[in-house]
């Protein structure tokens, strides 16, 4: 599998580490996601989106911020692409999809503490 297209948003101050909540486990190093202990297969874009929201969990991120950080600068995509991909990601995550919260007229946040 070519992982060159799966670059994840990181910064020197935030090394890649496994992320976990009661419902959702994400390991960006190993490129895997588990929901309630079951492996879930995600596309590279879905994984980058999930990791970006996880790394900024509890912060509301605008569609523009998500586009810039997940899709990259200079990509000619409409903000509604974020809505479509979040919807698809929620569907793939099943029960854990409820952790992806919409903030009306602004963007999204991942609330890992949500029951």
PDB file of N, CA and C in Angstrom:
ATOM      1  N   UNK A   1       0.843  -1.183   0.000  1.00  0.00           N
ATOM      2  CA  UNK A   1       0.000   0.000   0.000  1.00  0.00           C
ATOM      3  C   UNK A   1       0.879   1.232   0.000  1.00  0.00           C
ATOM      4  N   UNK A   2       0.615   2.169  -0.889  1.00  0.00           N
ATOM      5  CA  UNK A   2       1.380   3.413  -0.964  1.00  0.00           C
ATOM      6  C   UNK A   2       0.874   4.375   0.096  1.00  0.00           C
ATOM      7  N   UNK A   3       1.729   4.664   1.091  1.00  0.00           N
ATOM      8  CA  UNK A   3       1.313   5.549   2.177  1.00  0.00           C
ATOM      9  C   UNK A   3       1.733   6.987   1.932  1.00  0.00           C
ATOM     10  N   UNK A   4       2.335   7.290   0.788  1.00  0.00           N
ATOM     11  CA  UNK A   4       2.773   8.659   0.533  1.00  0.00           C
ATOM     12  C   UNK A   4       1.596   9.626   0.487  1.00  0.00           C
ATOM     13  N   UNK A   5       0.413   9.147   0.085  1.00  0.00           N
ATOM     14  CA  UNK A   5      -0.750  10.019   0.040  1.00  0.00           C
ATOM     15  C   UNK A   5      -1.452  10.094   1.386  1.00  0.00           C
ATOM     16  N   UNK A   6      -0.919   9.407   2.394  1.00  0.00           N
ATOM     17  CA  UNK A   6      -1.563   9.374   3.693  1.00  0.00           C
ATOM     18  C   UNK A   6      -0.841  10.234   4.724  1.00  0.00           C
ATOM     19  N   UNK A   7      -0.160  11.288   4.284  1.00  0.00           N
ATOM     20  CA  UNK A   7       0.515  12.159   5.235  1.00  0.00           C
ATOM     21  C   UNK A   7      -0.496  12.739   6.191  1.00  0.00           C
ATOM     22  N   UNK A   8      -0.177  12.686   7.475  1.00  0.00           N
ATOM     23  CA  UNK A   8      -1.091  13.153   8.487  1.00  0.00           C
ATOM     24  C   UNK A   8      -0.626  14.493   9.033  1.00  0.00           C
ATOM     25  N   UNK A   9      -1.579  15.335   9.457  1.00  0.00           N
ATOM     26  CA  UNK A   9      -1.191  16.631   9.994  1.00  0.00           C
ATOM     27  C   UNK A   9      -0.451  16.458  11.318  1.00  0.00           C
ATOM     28  N   UNK A  10       0.802  16.891  11.342  1.00  0.00           N
ATOM     29  CA  UNK A  10       1.585  16.833  12.577  1.00  0.00           C
ATOM     30  C   UNK A  10       2.402  18.106  12.663  1.00  0.00           C
ATOM     31  N   UNK A  11       2.946  18.346  13.813  1.00  0.00           N
ATOM     32  CA  UNK A  11       3.882  19.440  13.981  1.00  0.00           C
ATOM     33  C   UNK A  11       5.032  18.904  14.816  1.00  0.00           C
ATOM     34  N   UNK A  12       6.186  19.557  14.781  1.00  0.00           N
ATOM     35  CA  UNK A  12       7.313  19.050  15.557  1.00  0.00           C
ATOM     36  C   UNK A  12       6.988  18.911  17.039  1.00  0.00           C
ATOM     37  N   UNK A  13       6.100  19.762  17.551  1.00  0.00           N
ATOM     38  CA  UNK A  13       5.759  19.733  18.973  1.00  0.00           C
ATOM     39  C   UNK A  13       4.759  18.633  19.313  1.00  0.00           C
ATOM     40  N   UNK A  14       4.086  18.061  18.295  1.00  0.00           N
ATOM     41  CA  UNK A  14       3.097  17.024  18.589  1.00  0.00           C
ATOM     42  C   UNK A  14       3.426  15.760  17.816  1.00  0.00           C
ATOM     43  N   UNK A  15       4.195  14.845  18.434  1.00  0.00           N
ATOM     44  CA  UNK A  15       4.565  13.611  17.750  1.00  0.00           C
ATOM     45  C   UNK A  15       3.340  12.742  17.503  1.00  0.00           C
ATOM     46  N   UNK A  16       3.476  11.821  16.558  1.00  0.00           N
ATOM     47  CA  UNK A  16       2.380  10.908  16.263  1.00  0.00           C
ATOM     48  C   UNK A  16       2.241   9.904  17.403  1.00  0.00           C
ATOM     49  N   UNK A  17       1.076   9.901  18.026  1.00  0.00           N
ATOM     50  CA  UNK A  17       0.803   8.964  19.105  1.00  0.00           C
ATOM     51  C   UNK A  17      -0.587   8.397  18.903  1.00  0.00           C
ATOM     52  N   UNK A  18      -0.814   7.227  19.486  1.00  0.00           N
ATOM     53  CA  UNK A  18      -2.143   6.635  19.425  1.00  0.00           C
ATOM     54  C   UNK A  18      -3.105   7.499  20.231  1.00  0.00           C
ATOM     55  N   UNK A  19      -4.323   7.601  19.732  1.00  0.00           N
ATOM     56  CA  UNK A  19      -5.358   8.399  20.364  1.00  0.00           C
ATOM     57  C   UNK A  19      -6.498   7.459  20.720  1.00  0.00           C
ATOM     58  N   UNK A  20      -7.059   7.596  21.914  1.00  0.00           N
ATOM     59  CA  UNK A  20      -8.101   6.655  22.305  1.00  0.00           C
ATOM     60  C   UNK A  20      -9.195   7.327  23.118  1.00  0.00           C
ATOM     61  N   UNK A  21     -10.401   6.827  22.946  1.00  0.00           N
ATOM     62  CA  UNK A  21     -11.554   7.183  23.769  1.00  0.00           C
ATOM     63  C   UNK A  21     -12.300   5.878  24.004  1.00  0.00           C
ATOM     64  N   UNK A  22     -13.324   5.873  24.840  1.00  0.00           N
ATOM     65  CA  UNK A  22     -14.052   4.624  25.065  1.00  0.00           C
ATOM     66  C   UNK A  22     -14.621   4.001  23.784  1.00  0.00           C
ATOM     67  N   UNK A  23     -15.031   4.824  22.830  1.00  0.00           N
ATOM     68  CA  UNK A  23     -15.613   4.326  21.586  1.00  0.00           C
ATOM     69  C   UNK A  23     -14.610   4.168  20.454  1.00  0.00           C
ATOM     70  N   UNK A  24     -13.613   5.041  20.425  1.00  0.00           N
ATOM     71  CA  UNK A  24     -12.772   5.204  19.244  1.00  0.00           C
ATOM     72  C   UNK A  24     -11.299   5.140  19.590  1.00  0.00           C
ATOM     73  N   UNK A  25     -10.554   4.304  18.856  1.00  0.00           N
ATOM     74  CA  UNK A  25      -9.097   4.235  18.969  1.00  0.00           C
ATOM     75  C   UNK A  25      -8.517   4.571  17.603  1.00  0.00           C
ATOM     76  N   UNK A  26      -7.544   5.486  17.589  1.00  0.00           N
ATOM     77  CA  UNK A  26      -6.908   5.896  16.337  1.00  0.00           C
ATOM     78  C   UNK A  26      -5.405   5.822  16.536  1.00  0.00           C
ATOM     79  N   UNK A  27      -4.707   5.176  15.612  1.00  0.00           N
ATOM     80  CA  UNK A  27      -3.252   5.155  15.639  1.00  0.00           C
ATOM     81  C   UNK A  27      -2.745   5.635  14.279  1.00  0.00           C
ATOM     82  N   UNK A  28      -2.382   6.925  14.191  1.00  0.00           N
ATOM     83  CA  UNK A  28      -1.931   7.463  12.917  1.00  0.00           C
ATOM     84  C   UNK A  28      -0.617   6.866  12.428  1.00  0.00           C
ATOM     85  N   UNK A  29       0.217   6.356  13.322  1.00  0.00           N
ATOM     86  CA  UNK A  29       1.483   5.715  12.927  1.00  0.00           C
ATOM     87  C   UNK A  29       1.217   4.422  12.164  1.00  0.00           C
ATOM     88  N   UNK A  30       0.301   3.637  12.678  1.00  0.00           N
ATOM     89  CA  UNK A  30       0.001   2.338  12.071  1.00  0.00           C
ATOM     90  C   UNK A  30      -1.136   2.422  11.059  1.00  0.00           C
ATOM     91  N   UNK A  31      -1.720   3.603  10.935  1.00  0.00           N
ATOM     92  CA  UNK A  31      -2.810   3.841   9.983  1.00  0.00           C
ATOM     93  C   UNK A  31      -4.002   2.927  10.228  1.00  0.00           C
ATOM     94  N   UNK A  32      -4.412   2.818  11.513  1.00  0.00           N
ATOM     95  CA  UNK A  32      -5.606   2.050  11.809  1.00  0.00           C
ATOM     96  C   UNK A  32      -6.545   2.803  12.720  1.00  0.00           C
ATOM     97  N   UNK A  33      -7.823   2.413  12.606  1.00  0.00           N
ATOM     98  CA  UNK A  33      -8.900   2.979  13.415  1.00  0.00           C
ATOM     99  C   UNK A  33      -9.749   1.815  13.899  1.00  0.00           C
ATOM    100  N   UNK A  34     -10.134   1.876  15.180  1.00  0.00           N
ATOM    101  CA  UNK A  34     -11.036   0.875  15.733  1.00  0.00           C
ATOM    102  C   UNK A  34     -12.208   1.572  16.396  1.00  0.00           C
ATOM    103  N   UNK A  35     -13.393   1.055  16.141  1.00  0.00           N
ATOM    104  CA  UNK A  35     -14.601   1.532  16.797  1.00  0.00           C
ATOM    105  C   UNK A  35     -15.128   0.379  17.636  1.00  0.00           C
ATOM    106  N   UNK A  36     -15.230   0.607  18.931  1.00  0.00           N
ATOM    107  CA  UNK A  36     -15.659  -0.432  19.878  1.00  0.00           C
ATOM    108  C   UNK A  36     -14.874  -1.725  19.663  1.00  0.00           C
ATOM    109  N   UNK A  37     -13.566  -1.571  19.446  1.00  0.00           N
ATOM    110  CA  UNK A  37     -12.669  -2.712  19.301  1.00  0.00           C
ATOM    111  C   UNK A  37     -12.611  -3.336  17.916  1.00  0.00           C
ATOM    112  N   UNK A  38     -13.470  -2.909  16.998  1.00  0.00           N
ATOM    113  CA  UNK A  38     -13.506  -3.470  15.652  1.00  0.00           C
ATOM    114  C   UNK A  38     -12.767  -2.558  14.679  1.00  0.00           C
ATOM    115  N   UNK A  39     -11.885  -3.156  13.865  1.00  0.00           N
ATOM    116  CA  UNK A  39     -11.134  -2.393  12.868  1.00  0.00           C
ATOM    117  C   UNK A  39     -12.086  -1.767  11.853  1.00  0.00           C
ATOM    118  N   UNK A  40     -11.830  -0.501  11.511  1.00  0.00           N
ATOM    119  CA  UNK A  40     -12.613   0.210  10.495  1.00  0.00           C
ATOM    120  C   UNK A  40     -11.646   0.687   9.421  1.00  0.00           C
ATOM    121  N   UNK A  41     -11.949   0.389   8.179  1.00  0.00           N
ATOM    122  CA  UNK A  41     -11.109   0.805   7.066  1.00  0.00           C
ATOM    123  C   UNK A  41     -11.545   2.190   6.594  1.00  0.00           C
ATOM    124  N   UNK A  42     -10.583   3.120   6.516  1.00  0.00           N
ATOM    125  CA  UNK A  42     -10.857   4.482   6.055  1.00  0.00           C
ATOM    126  C   UNK A  42      -9.961   4.820   4.879  1.00  0.00           C
ATOM    127  N   UNK A  43     -10.431   5.728   4.036  1.00  0.00           N
ATOM    128  CA  UNK A  43      -9.585   6.238   2.959  1.00  0.00           C
ATOM    129  C   UNK A  43      -8.522   7.153   3.580  1.00  0.00           C
ATOM    130  N   UNK A  44      -7.516   7.493   2.805  1.00  0.00           N
ATOM    131  CA  UNK A  44      -6.473   8.394   3.290  1.00  0.00           C
ATOM    132  C   UNK A  44      -7.033   9.736   3.718  1.00  0.00           C
ATOM    133  N   UNK A  45      -7.950  10.280   2.939  1.00  0.00           N
ATOM    134  CA  UNK A  45      -8.560  11.571   3.270  1.00  0.00           C
ATOM    135  C   UNK A  45      -9.399  11.472   4.538  1.00  0.00           C
ATOM    136  N   UNK A  46     -10.156  10.395   4.687  1.00  0.00           N
ATOM    137  CA  UNK A  46     -10.959  10.218   5.895  1.00  0.00           C
ATOM    138  C   UNK A  46     -10.062  10.111   7.129  1.00  0.00           C
ATOM    139  N   UNK A  47      -8.959   9.398   6.995  1.00  0.00           N
ATOM    140  CA  UNK A  47      -8.032   9.255   8.116  1.00  0.00           C
ATOM    141  C   UNK A  47      -7.393  10.598   8.469  1.00  0.00           C
ATOM    142  N   UNK A  48      -6.955  11.361   7.469  1.00  0.00           N
ATOM    143  CA  UNK A  48      -6.373  12.688   7.730  1.00  0.00           C
ATOM    144  C   UNK A  48      -7.387  13.597   8.406  1.00  0.00           C
ATOM    145  N   UNK A  49      -8.643  13.558   7.943  1.00  0.00           N
ATOM    146  CA  UNK A  49      -9.705  14.372   8.528  1.00  0.00           C
ATOM    147  C   UNK A  49      -9.938  13.982   9.985  1.00  0.00           C
ATOM    148  N   UNK A  50     -10.041  12.692  10.251  1.00  0.00           N
ATOM    149  CA  UNK A  50     -10.263  12.228  11.613  1.00  0.00           C
ATOM    150  C   UNK A  50      -9.105  12.599  12.533  1.00  0.00           C
ATOM    151  N   UNK A  51      -7.885  12.394  12.079  1.00  0.00           N
ATOM    152  CA  UNK A  51      -6.719  12.712  12.911  1.00  0.00           C
ATOM    153  C   UNK A  51      -6.633  14.216  13.169  1.00  0.00           C
ATOM    154  N   UNK A  52      -6.908  15.030  12.152  1.00  0.00           N
ATOM    155  CA  UNK A  52      -6.883  16.489  12.328  1.00  0.00           C
ATOM    156  C   UNK A  52      -7.908  16.914  13.378  1.00  0.00           C
ATOM    157  N   UNK A  53      -9.126  16.419  13.271  1.00  0.00           N
ATOM    158  CA  UNK A  53     -10.149  16.791  14.252  1.00  0.00           C
ATOM    159  C   UNK A  53      -9.804  16.251  15.632  1.00  0.00           C
ATOM    160  N   UNK A  54      -9.204  15.068  15.687  1.00  0.00           N
ATOM    161  CA  UNK A  54      -8.832  14.491  16.981  1.00  0.00           C
ATOM    162  C   UNK A  54      -7.738  15.330  17.641  1.00  0.00           C
ATOM    163  N   UNK A  55      -6.745  15.708  16.877  1.00  0.00           N
ATOM    164  CA  UNK A  55      -5.647  16.498  17.442  1.00  0.00           C
ATOM    165  C   UNK A  55      -6.121  17.862  17.935  1.00  0.00           C
ATOM    166  N   UNK A  56      -7.243  18.322  17.410  1.00  0.00           N
ATOM    167  CA  UNK A  56      -7.804  19.610  17.829  1.00  0.00           C
ATOM    168  C   UNK A  56      -9.139  19.407  18.533  1.00  0.00           C
ATOM    169  N   UNK A  57      -9.302  18.233  19.142  1.00  0.00           N
ATOM    170  CA  UNK A  57     -10.586  17.920  19.772  1.00  0.00           C
ATOM    171  C   UNK A  57     -10.961  18.990  20.787  1.00  0.00           C
ATOM    172  N   UNK A  58     -12.224  19.176  20.899  1.00  0.00           N
ATOM    173  CA  UNK A  58     -12.894  20.200  21.714  1.00  0.00           C
ATOM    174  C   UNK A  58     -12.808  21.582  21.085  1.00  0.00           C
ATOM    175  N   UNK A  59     -11.942  21.793  20.100  1.00  0.00           N
ATOM    176  CA  UNK A  59     -11.876  23.063  19.382  1.00  0.00           C
ATOM    177  C   UNK A  59     -12.782  22.970  18.167  1.00  0.00           C
ATOM    178  N   UNK A  60     -13.537  24.001  17.925  1.00  0.00           N
ATOM    179  CA  UNK A  60     -14.355  24.039  16.722  1.00  0.00           C
ATOM    180  C   UNK A  60     -13.467  24.509  15.579  1.00  0.00           C
ATOM    181  N   UNK A  61     -13.451  23.752  14.511  1.00  0.00           N
ATOM    182  CA  UNK A  61     -12.648  24.094  13.336  1.00  0.00           C
ATOM    183  C   UNK A  61     -13.594  24.464  12.195  1.00  0.00           C
ATOM    184  N   UNK A  62     -13.319  25.600  11.572  1.00  0.00           N
ATOM    185  CA  UNK A  62     -14.162  26.039  10.463  1.00  0.00           C
ATOM    186  C   UNK A  62     -13.922  25.150   9.248  1.00  0.00           C
ATOM    187  N   UNK A  63     -14.863  25.181   8.332  1.00  0.00           N
ATOM    188  CA  UNK A  63     -14.696  24.410   7.101  1.00  0.00           C
ATOM    189  C   UNK A  63     -13.438  24.856   6.365  1.00  0.00           C
ATOM    190  N   UNK A  64     -13.182  26.162   6.359  1.00  0.00           N
ATOM    191  CA  UNK A  64     -11.990  26.698   5.708  1.00  0.00           C
ATOM    192  C   UNK A  64     -10.707  26.181   6.335  1.00  0.00           C
ATOM    193  N   UNK A  65     -10.669  26.129   7.672  1.00  0.00           N
ATOM    194  CA  UNK A  65      -9.488  25.598   8.365  1.00  0.00           C
ATOM    195  C   UNK A  65      -9.292  24.119   8.030  1.00  0.00           C
ATOM    196  N   UNK A  66     -10.380  23.384   8.003  1.00  0.00           N
ATOM    197  CA  UNK A  66     -10.297  21.954   7.687  1.00  0.00           C
ATOM    198  C   UNK A  66      -9.807  21.764   6.259  1.00  0.00           C
ATOM    199  N   UNK A  67     -10.360  22.531   5.324  1.00  0.00           N
ATOM    200  CA  UNK A  67      -9.911  22.427   3.927  1.00  0.00           C
ATOM    201  C   UNK A  67      -8.423  22.693   3.808  1.00  0.00           C
ATOM    202  N   UNK A  68      -7.969  23.761   4.447  1.00  0.00           N
ATOM    203  CA  UNK A  68      -6.565  24.147   4.346  1.00  0.00           C
ATOM    204  C   UNK A  68      -5.636  23.094   4.937  1.00  0.00           C
ATOM    205  N   UNK A  69      -6.006  22.567   6.099  1.00  0.00           N
ATOM    206  CA  UNK A  69      -5.124  21.628   6.793  1.00  0.00           C
ATOM    207  C   UNK A  69      -5.222  20.188   6.284  1.00  0.00           C
ATOM    208  N   UNK A  70      -6.410  19.752   5.895  1.00  0.00           N
ATOM    209  CA  UNK A  70      -6.587  18.360   5.483  1.00  0.00           C
ATOM    210  C   UNK A  70      -6.395  18.190   3.978  1.00  0.00           C
ATOM    211  N   UNK A  71      -6.982  19.084   3.202  1.00  0.00           N
ATOM    212  CA  UNK A  71      -6.858  18.982   1.742  1.00  0.00           C
ATOM    213  C   UNK A  71      -5.559  19.630   1.257  1.00  0.00           C
ATOM    214  N   UNK A  72      -5.129  20.686   1.939  1.00  0.00           N
ATOM    215  CA  UNK A  72      -3.908  21.384   1.556  1.00  0.00           C
ATOM    216  C   UNK A  72      -4.200  22.716   0.900  1.00  0.00           C
ATOM    217  N   UNK A  73      -3.211  23.589   0.957  1.00  0.00           N
ATOM    218  CA  UNK A  73      -3.341  24.924   0.372  1.00  0.00           C
ATOM    219  C   UNK A  73      -3.478  24.821  -1.143  1.00  0.00           C
ATOM    220  N   UNK A  74      -4.251  25.719  -1.689  1.00  0.00           N
ATOM    221  CA  UNK A  74      -4.355  25.809  -3.133  1.00  0.00           C
ATOM    222  C   UNK A  74      -5.257  24.787  -3.788  1.00  0.00           C
ATOM    223  N   UNK A  75      -5.944  23.976  -2.996  1.00  0.00           N
ATOM    224  CA  UNK A  75      -6.857  22.996  -3.572  1.00  0.00           C
ATOM    225  C   UNK A  75      -8.157  23.713  -3.897  1.00  0.00           C
ATOM    226  N   UNK A  76      -8.629  23.520  -5.113  1.00  0.00           N
ATOM    227  CA  UNK A  76      -9.844  24.185  -5.568  1.00  0.00           C
ATOM    228  C   UNK A  76     -11.059  23.313  -5.237  1.00  0.00           C
ATOM    229  N   UNK A  77     -11.496  23.398  -3.970  1.00  0.00           N
ATOM    230  CA  UNK A  77     -12.626  22.606  -3.502  1.00  0.00           C
ATOM    231  C   UNK A  77     -13.562  23.523  -2.732  1.00  0.00           C
ATOM    232  N   UNK A  78     -14.840  23.281  -2.863  1.00  0.00           N
ATOM    233  CA  UNK A  78     -15.866  24.038  -2.159  1.00  0.00           C
ATOM    234  C   UNK A  78     -15.950  23.573  -0.704  1.00  0.00           C
ATOM    235  N   UNK A  79     -16.348  24.479   0.216  1.00  0.00           N
ATOM    236  CA  UNK A  79     -16.493  24.098   1.639  1.00  0.00           C
ATOM    237  C   UNK A  79     -17.460  22.937   1.832  1.00  0.00           C
ATOM    238  N   UNK A  80     -18.415  22.807   0.947  1.00  0.00           N
ATOM    239  CA  UNK A  80     -19.402  21.733   1.094  1.00  0.00           C
ATOM    240  C   UNK A  80     -18.745  20.359   0.953  1.00  0.00           C
ATOM    241  N   UNK A  81     -17.560  20.314   0.370  1.00  0.00           N
ATOM    242  CA  UNK A  81     -16.819  19.046   0.290  1.00  0.00           C
ATOM    243  C   UNK A  81     -16.520  18.541   1.696  1.00  0.00           C
ATOM    244  N   UNK A  82     -16.272  19.467   2.625  1.00  0.00           N
ATOM    245  CA  UNK A  82     -16.020  19.076   4.015  1.00  0.00           C
ATOM    246  C   UNK A  82     -17.267  18.397   4.573  1.00  0.00           C
ATOM    247  N   UNK A  83     -18.442  18.996   4.335  1.00  0.00           N
ATOM    248  CA  UNK A  83     -19.691  18.412   4.830  1.00  0.00           C
ATOM    249  C   UNK A  83     -19.890  16.992   4.302  1.00  0.00           C
ATOM    250  N   UNK A  84     -19.640  16.816   3.015  1.00  0.00           N
ATOM    251  CA  UNK A  84     -19.812  15.505   2.386  1.00  0.00           C
ATOM    252  C   UNK A  84     -18.861  14.488   3.016  1.00  0.00           C
ATOM    253  N   UNK A  85     -17.602  14.867   3.204  1.00  0.00           N
ATOM    254  CA  UNK A  85     -16.622  13.928   3.749  1.00  0.00           C
ATOM    255  C   UNK A  85     -16.858  13.643   5.229  1.00  0.00           C
ATOM    256  N   UNK A  86     -17.319  14.629   5.979  1.00  0.00           N
ATOM    257  CA  UNK A  86     -17.658  14.384   7.386  1.00  0.00           C
ATOM    258  C   UNK A  86     -18.834  13.417   7.458  1.00  0.00           C
ATOM    259  N   UNK A  87     -19.820  13.606   6.591  1.00  0.00           N
ATOM    260  CA  UNK A  87     -20.980  12.710   6.547  1.00  0.00           C
ATOM    261  C   UNK A  87     -20.539  11.279   6.248  1.00  0.00           C
ATOM    262  N   UNK A  88     -19.664  11.115   5.267  1.00  0.00           N
ATOM    263  CA  UNK A  88     -19.160   9.783   4.915  1.00  0.00           C
ATOM    264  C   UNK A  88     -18.336   9.181   6.051  1.00  0.00           C
ATOM    265  N   UNK A  89     -17.528  10.031   6.707  1.00  0.00           N
ATOM    266  CA  UNK A  89     -16.712   9.559   7.824  1.00  0.00           C
ATOM    267  C   UNK A  89     -17.611   9.108   8.975  1.00  0.00           C
ATOM    268  N   UNK A  90     -18.646   9.883   9.282  1.00  0.00           N
ATOM    269  CA  UNK A  90     -19.587   9.483  10.332  1.00  0.00           C
ATOM    270  C   UNK A  90     -20.185   8.114  10.026  1.00  0.00           C
ATOM    271  N   UNK A  91     -20.578   7.919   8.783  1.00  0.00           N
ATOM    272  CA  UNK A  91     -21.178   6.657   8.374  1.00  0.00           C
ATOM    273  C   UNK A  91     -20.190   5.502   8.579  1.00  0.00           C
ATOM    274  N   UNK A  92     -18.921   5.716   8.193  1.00  0.00           N
ATOM    275  CA  UNK A  92     -17.898   4.666   8.336  1.00  0.00           C
ATOM    276  C   UNK A  92     -17.617   4.345   9.801  1.00  0.00           C
ATOM    277  N   UNK A  93     -17.716   5.368  10.672  1.00  0.00           N
ATOM    278  CA  UNK A  93     -17.395   5.186  12.085  1.00  0.00           C
ATOM    279  C   UNK A  93     -18.547   4.595  12.888  1.00  0.00           C
ATOM    280  N   UNK A  94     -19.716   4.506  12.309  1.00  0.00           N
ATOM    281  CA  UNK A  94     -20.858   3.924  13.015  1.00  0.00           C
ATOM    282  C   UNK A  94     -21.163   4.678  14.295  1.00  0.00           C
ATOM    283  N   UNK A  95     -21.183   3.967  15.426  1.00  0.00           N
ATOM    284  CA  UNK A  95     -21.522   4.568  16.722  1.00  0.00           C
ATOM    285  C   UNK A  95     -20.585   5.725  17.084  1.00  0.00           C
ATOM    286  N   UNK A  96     -19.325   5.614  16.708  1.00  0.00           N
ATOM    287  CA  UNK A  96     -18.352   6.672  17.026  1.00  0.00           C
ATOM    288  C   UNK A  96     -18.550   7.908  16.144  1.00  0.00           C
ATOM    289  N   UNK A  97     -19.336   7.804  15.090  1.00  0.00           N
ATOM    290  CA  UNK A  97     -19.628   8.954  14.236  1.00  0.00           C
ATOM    291  C   UNK A  97     -20.316  10.072  15.000  1.00  0.00           C
ATOM    292  N   UNK A  98     -20.990   9.723  16.097  1.00  0.00           N
ATOM    293  CA  UNK A  98     -21.650  10.738  16.924  1.00  0.00           C
ATOM    294  C   UNK A  98     -20.654  11.668  17.602  1.00  0.00           C
ATOM    295  N   UNK A  99     -19.390  11.265  17.670  1.00  0.00           N
ATOM    296  CA  UNK A  99     -18.359  12.117  18.269  1.00  0.00           C
ATOM    297  C   UNK A  99     -18.042  13.323  17.392  1.00  0.00           C
ATOM    298  N   UNK A 100     -18.343  13.228  16.091  1.00  0.00           N
ATOM    299  CA  UNK A 100     -18.114  14.345  15.164  1.00  0.00           C
ATOM    300  C   UNK A 100     -19.319  15.274  15.240  1.00  0.00           C
ATOM    301  N   UNK A 101     -19.137  16.410  15.875  1.00  0.00           N
ATOM    302  CA  UNK A 101     -20.241  17.345  16.088  1.00  0.00           C
ATOM    303  C   UNK A 101     -20.216  18.475  15.077  1.00  0.00           C
ATOM    304  N   UNK A 102     -21.389  18.794  14.545  1.00  0.00           N
ATOM    305  CA  UNK A 102     -21.545  19.946  13.650  1.00  0.00           C
ATOM    306  C   UNK A 102     -21.772  21.194  14.490  1.00  0.00           C
ATOM    307  N   UNK A 103     -21.149  22.275  14.081  1.00  0.00           N
ATOM    308  CA  UNK A 103     -21.404  23.572  14.694  1.00  0.00           C
ATOM    309  C   UNK A 103     -22.022  24.410  13.586  1.00  0.00           C
ATOM    310  N   UNK A 104     -23.306  24.612  13.699  1.00  0.00           N
ATOM    311  CA  UNK A 104     -24.092  25.219  12.632  1.00  0.00           C
ATOM    312  C   UNK A 104     -23.461  26.489  12.074  1.00  0.00           C
ATOM    313  N   UNK A 105     -23.406  26.567  10.773  1.00  0.00           N
ATOM    314  CA  UNK A 105     -22.897  27.716  10.012  1.00  0.00           C
ATOM    315  C   UNK A 105     -21.413  27.981  10.239  1.00  0.00           C
ATOM    316  N   UNK A 106     -20.696  27.021  10.838  1.00  0.00           N
ATOM    317  CA  UNK A 106     -19.276  27.265  11.070  1.00  0.00           C
ATOM    318  C   UNK A 106     -18.403  26.094  10.664  1.00  0.00           C
ATOM    319  N   UNK A 107     -18.555  24.962  11.347  1.00  0.00           N
ATOM    320  CA  UNK A 107     -17.670  23.853  11.055  1.00  0.00           C
ATOM    321  C   UNK A 107     -17.939  22.643  11.937  1.00  0.00           C
ATOM    322  N   UNK A 108     -16.852  22.040  12.421  1.00  0.00           N
ATOM    323  CA  UNK A 108     -16.957  20.769  13.139  1.00  0.00           C
ATOM    324  C   UNK A 108     -15.975  20.700  14.303  1.00  0.00           C
ATOM    325  N   UNK A 109     -16.299  19.818  15.242  1.00  0.00           N
ATOM    326  CA  UNK A 109     -15.376  19.469  16.310  1.00  0.00           C
ATOM    327  C   UNK A 109     -15.563  17.998  16.623  1.00  0.00           C
ATOM    328  N   UNK A 110     -14.518  17.401  17.170  1.00  0.00           N
ATOM    329  CA  UNK A 110     -14.603  16.033  17.620  1.00  0.00           C
ATOM    330  C   UNK A 110     -14.667  16.076  19.136  1.00  0.00           C
ATOM    331  N   UNK A 111     -15.750  15.585  19.693  1.00  0.00           N
ATOM    332  CA  UNK A 111     -15.937  15.584  21.144  1.00  0.00           C
ATOM    333  C   UNK A 111     -15.707  14.170  21.656  1.00  0.00           C
ATOM    334  N   UNK A 112     -14.475  13.872  22.022  1.00  0.00           N
ATOM    335  CA  UNK A 112     -14.095  12.516  22.438  1.00  0.00           C
ATOM    336  C   UNK A 112     -14.667  12.141  23.798  1.00  0.00           C
ATOM    337  N   UNK A 113     -15.203  13.100  24.528  1.00  0.00           N
ATOM    338  CA  UNK A 113     -15.758  12.796  25.857  1.00  0.00           C
ATOM    339  C   UNK A 113     -17.251  12.529  25.792  1.00  0.00           C
ATOM    340  N   UNK A 114     -17.828  12.675  24.628  1.00  0.00           N
ATOM    341  CA  UNK A 114     -19.276  12.458  24.479  1.00  0.00           C
ATOM    342  C   UNK A 114     -19.604  10.997  24.752  1.00  0.00           C
ATOM    343  N   UNK A 115     -20.657  10.744  25.550  1.00  0.00           N
ATOM    344  CA  UNK A 115     -21.011   9.344  25.856  1.00  0.00           C
ATOM    345  C   UNK A 115     -21.589   8.627  24.663  1.00  0.00           C
TER     346      UNK A 115
END
